[in-house]
C-alpha atoms as a PDB file:
ATOM      1  CA  ALA A   1    -143.445-291.743  12.775  1.00  0.00           C
ATOM      2  CA  CYS A   2    -140.120-289.891  12.825  1.00  0.00           C
ATOM      3  CA  VAL A   3    -141.486-287.012  14.932  1.00  0.00           C
ATOM      4  CA  ARG A   4    -143.007-289.260  17.600  1.00  0.00           C
ATOM      5  CA  GLU A   5    -140.163-291.768  17.640  1.00  0.00           C
ATOM      6  CA  PRO A   6    -137.025-290.375  16.062  1.00  0.00           C
ATOM      7  CA  PRO A   7    -134.464-292.978  14.988  1.00  0.00           C
ATOM      8  CA  PRO A   8    -131.497-293.447  17.339  1.00  0.00           C
ATOM      9  CA  LEU A   9    -128.461-291.289  16.563  1.00  0.00           C
ATOM     10  CA  THR A  10    -126.077-294.246  16.912  1.00  0.00           C
ATOM     11  CA  ILE A  11    -126.454-297.997  16.675  1.00  0.00           C
ATOM     12  CA  LEU A  12    -123.813-300.179  18.288  1.00  0.00           C
ATOM     13  CA  PHE A  13    -124.954-303.661  17.300  1.00  0.00           C
ATOM     14  CA  ALA A  14    -126.637-303.580  13.897  1.00  0.00           C
ATOM     15  CA  LYS A  15    -127.198-306.892  12.125  1.00  0.00           C
ATOM     16  CA  ALA A  16    -126.078-305.279   8.875  1.00  0.00           C
ATOM     17  CA  HIS A  17    -122.605-304.190  10.007  1.00  0.00           C
ATOM     18  CA  GLU A  18    -119.907-304.953  12.581  1.00  0.00           C
ATOM     19  CA  HIS A  19    -118.985-301.331  13.486  1.00  0.00           C
ATOM     20  CA  GLN A  20    -120.973-298.565  15.170  1.00  0.00           C
ATOM     21  CA  LEU A  21    -123.338-296.760  12.800  1.00  0.00           C
ATOM     22  CA  SER A  22    -124.260-293.074  13.069  1.00  0.00           C
ATOM     23  CA  LEU A  23    -127.376-291.431  11.670  1.00  0.00           C
ATOM     24  CA  MET A  24    -126.852-288.706   9.044  1.00  0.00           C
ATOM     25  CA  PRO A  25    -130.179-286.827   9.465  1.00  0.00           C
ATOM     26  CA  ARG A  26    -130.237-284.936   6.167  1.00  0.00           C
ATOM     27  CA  MET A  27    -130.934-285.230   2.468  1.00  0.00           C
ATOM     28  CA  ILE A  28    -127.971-287.026   0.918  1.00  0.00           C
ATOM     29  CA  SER A  29    -127.670-289.241  -2.142  1.00  0.00           C
ATOM     30  CA  PHE A  30    -126.066-292.632  -1.461  1.00  0.00           C
ATOM     31  CA  ASN A  31    -126.028-296.277  -2.508  1.00  0.00           C
ATOM     32  CA  CYS A  32    -126.991-298.615   0.328  1.00  0.00           C
ATOM     33  CA  ASP A  33    -124.177-301.099   0.938  1.00  0.00           C
ATOM     34  CA  ALA A  34    -126.645-303.646   2.346  1.00  0.00           C
ATOM     35  CA  CYS A  35    -129.046-303.784  -0.608  1.00  0.00           C
ATOM     36  CA  GLY A  36    -127.356-301.867  -3.451  1.00  0.00           C
ATOM     37  CA  MET A  37    -130.291-299.505  -4.004  1.00  0.00           C
ATOM     38  CA  LYS A  38    -130.084-295.722  -4.081  1.00  0.00           C
ATOM     39  CA  GLY A  39    -131.210-293.669  -1.130  1.00  0.00           C
ATOM     40  CA  ASP A  40    -131.747-289.951  -0.742  1.00  0.00           C
ATOM     41  CA  ARG A  41    -132.132-289.218   2.965  1.00  0.00           C
ATOM     42  CA  SER A  42    -130.933-290.013   6.469  1.00  0.00           C
ATOM     43  CA  PRO A  43    -128.727-293.084   6.052  1.00  0.00           C
ATOM     44  CA  TYR A  44    -126.692-294.632   8.808  1.00  0.00           C
ATOM     45  CA  SER A  45    -122.968-294.565   8.118  1.00  0.00           C
ATOM     46  CA  CYS A  46    -119.821-296.090   9.542  1.00  0.00           C
ATOM     47  CA  GLN A  47    -116.995-293.663  10.283  1.00  0.00           C
ATOM     48  CA  GLU A  48    -114.421-296.495  10.238  1.00  0.00           C
ATOM     49  CA  CYS A  49    -115.068-297.923   6.760  1.00  0.00           C
ATOM     50  CA  TYR A  50    -117.546-295.546   5.028  1.00  0.00           C
ATOM     51  CA  PHE A  51    -120.329-298.149   4.943  1.00  0.00           C
ATOM     52  CA  MET A  52    -123.755-296.533   4.330  1.00  0.00           C
ATOM     53  CA  VAL A  53    -127.129-298.184   4.821  1.00  0.00           C
ATOM     54  CA  HIS A  54    -130.848-297.368   4.593  1.00  0.00           C
ATOM     55  CA  GLN A  55    -132.580-297.231   7.956  1.00  0.00           C
ATOM     56  CA  SER A  56    -134.780-300.093   6.703  1.00  0.00           C
ATOM     57  CA  CYS A  57    -131.742-302.301   5.934  1.00  0.00           C
ATOM     58  CA  ILE A  58    -130.058-302.071   9.345  1.00  0.00           C
ATOM     59  CA  ASP A  59    -131.753-305.164  10.738  1.00  0.00           C
ATOM     60  CA  LEU A  60    -131.784-307.465   7.712  1.00  0.00           C
ATOM     61  CA  GLN A  61    -131.879-311.010   9.056  1.00  0.00           C
ATOM     62  CA  GLU A  62    -128.668-313.033   8.895  1.00  0.00           C
ATOM     63  CA  ILE A  63    -130.032-316.476   7.950  1.00  0.00           C
ATOM     64  CA  ILE A  64    -133.410-317.071   6.303  1.00  0.00           C
ATOM     65  CA  ASN A  65    -135.448-319.507   4.219  1.00  0.00           C
ATOM     66  CA  VAL A  66    -137.232-318.297   1.116  1.00  0.00           C
ATOM     67  CA  ASN A  67    -139.891-320.190  -0.804  1.00  0.00           C
ATOM     68  CA  ARG A  68    -137.850-319.983  -4.028  1.00  0.00           C
ATOM     69  CA  HIS A  69    -134.991-322.235  -2.845  1.00  0.00           C
ATOM     70  CA  GLU A  70    -134.669-325.446  -0.834  1.00  0.00           C
ATOM     71  CA  HIS A  71    -131.684-324.405   1.328  1.00  0.00           C
ATOM     72  CA  ARG A  72    -131.121-321.655   3.851  1.00  0.00           C
ATOM     73  CA  LEU A  73    -129.671-318.362   2.637  1.00  0.00           C
ATOM     74  CA  SER A  74    -127.145-316.249   4.515  1.00  0.00           C
ATOM     75  CA  ARG A  75    -126.758-312.497   4.247  1.00  0.00           C
ATOM     76  CA  ARG A  76    -123.405-311.490   2.780  1.00  0.00           C
ATOM     77  CA  SER A  77    -121.838-308.032   2.731  1.00  0.00           C
ATOM     78  CA  HIS A  78    -120.923-308.752  -0.897  1.00  0.00           C
ATOM     79  CA  LEU A  79    -120.815-311.691  -3.297  1.00  0.00           C
ATOM     80  CA  SER A  80    -117.744-313.029  -5.057  1.00  0.00           C
ATOM     81  CA  PRO A  81    -116.921-311.126  -8.262  1.00  0.00           C
ATOM     82  CA  GLY A  82    -118.880-312.356 -11.245  1.00  0.00           C
ATOM     83  CA  SER A  83    -122.234-312.355 -12.948  1.00  0.00           C
ATOM     84  CA  TRP A  84    -125.143-312.998 -10.566  1.00  0.00           C
ATOM     85  CA  GLU A  85    -128.880-313.275 -11.226  1.00  0.00           C
ATOM     86  CA  CYS A  86    -131.468-312.867  -8.476  1.00  0.00           C
ATOM     87  CA  GLY A  87    -133.412-316.059  -7.773  1.00  0.00           C
ATOM     88  CA  VAL A  88    -136.587-314.028  -7.136  1.00  0.00           C
ATOM     89  CA  CYS A  89    -136.754-311.172  -9.671  1.00  0.00           C
ATOM     90  CA  HIS A  90    -134.230-312.646 -12.151  1.00  0.00           C
ATOM     91  CA  LYS A  91    -132.452-309.292 -12.570  1.00  0.00           C
ATOM     92  CA  ASN A  92    -128.699-308.838 -12.252  1.00  0.00           C
ATOM     93  CA  ILE A  93    -127.175-308.514  -8.789  1.00  0.00           C
ATOM     94  CA  ASP A  94    -124.244-306.135  -8.340  1.00  0.00           C
ATOM     95  CA  TRP A  95    -121.823-308.424  -6.495  1.00  0.00           C
ATOM     96  CA  SER A  96    -120.162-305.503  -4.677  1.00  0.00           C
ATOM     97  CA  TYR A  97    -123.270-304.884  -2.526  1.00  0.00           C
ATOM     98  CA  GLY A  98    -125.025-307.032   0.040  1.00  0.00           C
ATOM     99  CA  ALA A  99    -127.178-310.003  -0.962  1.00  0.00           C
ATOM    100  CA  TYR A 100    -128.306-313.386   0.328  1.00  0.00           C
ATOM    101  CA  SER A 101    -126.602-316.522  -0.982  1.00  0.00           C
ATOM    102  CA  CYS A 102    -126.677-320.281  -0.510  1.00  0.00           C
ATOM    103  CA  SER A 103    -123.636-322.034   0.947  1.00  0.00           C
ATOM    104  CA  ILE A 104    -124.670-325.319  -0.703  1.00  0.00           C
ATOM    105  CA  CYS A 105    -125.511-324.013  -4.194  1.00  0.00           C
ATOM    106  CA  PRO A 106    -122.566-321.726  -5.044  1.00  0.00           C
ATOM    107  CA  ASN A 107    -124.335-319.916  -7.901  1.00  0.00           C
ATOM    108  CA  TYR A 108    -127.597-319.093  -6.100  1.00  0.00           C
ATOM    109  CA  ALA A 109    -128.172-315.590  -4.712  1.00  0.00           C
ATOM    110  CA  ILE A 110    -131.015-313.138  -4.106  1.00  0.00           C
ATOM    111  CA  HIS A 111    -131.101-309.352  -3.768  1.00  0.00           C
ATOM    112  CA  SER A 112    -131.402-308.325  -0.112  1.00  0.00           C
ATOM    113  CA  ARG A 113    -134.708-306.570  -0.779  1.00  0.00           C
ATOM    114  CA  CYS A 114    -136.137-309.480  -2.823  1.00  0.00           C
ATOM    115  CA  ALA A 115    -135.222-311.991  -0.102  1.00  0.00           C
ATOM    116  CA  VAL A 116    -137.360-310.255   2.511  1.00  0.00           C
ATOM    117  CA  ARG A 117    -140.389-309.579   0.307  1.00  0.00           C
ATOM    118  CA  ASP A 118    -143.700-310.762   1.787  1.00  0.00           C
ATOM    119  CA  ASP A 119    -144.218-313.222  -1.081  1.00  0.00           C
ATOM    120  CA  ALA A 120    -140.766-314.821  -0.652  1.00  0.00           C
ATOM    121  CA  TRP A 121    -139.885-314.954   3.047  1.00  0.00           C
ATOM    122  CA  ASP A 122    -141.709-316.435   6.059  1.00  0.00           C
ATOM    123  CA  LYS A 123    -140.365-313.725   8.452  1.00  0.00           C
ATOM    124  CA  LEU A 124    -138.352-316.187  10.555  1.00  0.00           C
ATOM    125  CA  GLU A 125    -134.732-315.506  11.538  1.00  0.00           C
ATOM    126  CA  LEU A 126    -132.861-318.822  11.555  1.00  0.00           C
ATOM    127  CA  LYS A 127    -129.604-317.734  13.196  1.00  0.00           C
ATOM    128  CA  GLY A 128    -128.881-320.152  16.034  1.00  0.00           C
ATOM    129  CA  ILE A 129    -131.407-322.731  14.810  1.00  0.00           C
ATOM    130  CA  LEU A 130    -129.894-325.940  13.495  1.00  0.00           C
ATOM    131  CA  GLU A 131    -130.785-326.825   9.944  1.00  0.00           C
ATOM    132  CA  GLU A 132    -132.760-330.024   9.595  1.00  0.00           C
ATOM    133  CA  THR A 133    -131.073-332.476   7.293  1.00  0.00           C
ATOM    134  CA  GLN A 134    -132.729-335.562   5.997  1.00  0.00           C
ATOM    135  CA  GLU A 135    -130.321-338.353   5.270  1.00  0.00           C
ATOM    136  CA  ILE A 136    -131.634-340.835   2.734  1.00  0.00           C
ATOM    137  CA  GLN A 137    -129.984-344.206   2.908  1.00  0.00           C
ATOM    138  CA  PRO A 138    -129.449-345.798  -0.522  1.00  0.00           C
ATOM    139  CA  TYR A 139    -130.572-349.192   0.791  1.00  0.00           C
ATOM    140  CA  LYS A 140    -131.969-351.037   3.781  1.00  0.00           C
ATOM    141  CA  SER A 141    -130.322-354.247   5.033  1.00  0.00           C
ATOM    142  CA  MET A 142    -132.934-357.005   5.092  1.00  0.00           C
ATOM    143  CA  HIS A 143    -131.133-360.136   6.305  1.00  0.00           C
ATOM    144  CA  GLY A 144    -127.869-361.787   5.340  1.00  0.00           C
ATOM    145  CA  ASN A 145    -126.576-360.282   2.105  1.00  0.00           C
ATOM    146  CA  LEU A 146    -130.050-359.210   0.953  1.00  0.00           C
ATOM    147  CA  ILE A 147    -130.765-355.482   0.630  1.00  0.00           C
ATOM    148  CA  CYS A 148    -133.764-353.417  -0.416  1.00  0.00           C
ATOM    149  CA  HIS A 149    -132.819-350.416  -2.576  1.00  0.00           C
ATOM    150  CA  PHE A 150    -134.719-347.191  -1.712  1.00  0.00           C
ATOM    151  CA  SER A 151    -136.192-346.983  -5.224  1.00  0.00           C
ATOM    152  CA  HIS A 152    -137.866-350.396  -4.806  1.00  0.00           C
ATOM    153  CA  GLU A 153    -139.839-349.616  -1.671  1.00  0.00           C
END
C-alpha cells in the first residue's frame, strides 16, 4: 500500500494534534503520544513540541461511544496524574499518553487503541452531534396536591 499510495509528507490538520505533523520515513524507535504504544518506523512528528504519533493514530476520533460505558468518551492528549485502569482491557493506562475519558465519570478511561477496537466501538464520530439526555421526572402531577411517584407507575 505504501508504494502505490505513499503517506503524505506533512499533515496540517490531524485530529490527533493541533500543530503540523511531518513524516519521518525511516526506522526509528518511539513511543506514540496518542496511544502510548511503541513504534519502530515512519512516525509523524511535530517540530514545535516533539509530539510523535503512529500513522494509524493520526485520525483517532475525538468523541465516541463504546459499548462498555453509558456515556460518551472524549480523546485526551493525556489524563490527569494518577492510577488509571482501562475500562476495556483492565490493564494500567499511562496517564502521560493519550486516552479516552468520560467527562461525567471522572475515574473512567480507556486506552486509545482499546477504544477503537471492533468489539468496543460502533465506528461513529460524535463530534458536533448533540448528546441525547433523558430527563426522568421524580413524579407526575395528577390533580390538586396529588402526585404519582415514578416508582409507582
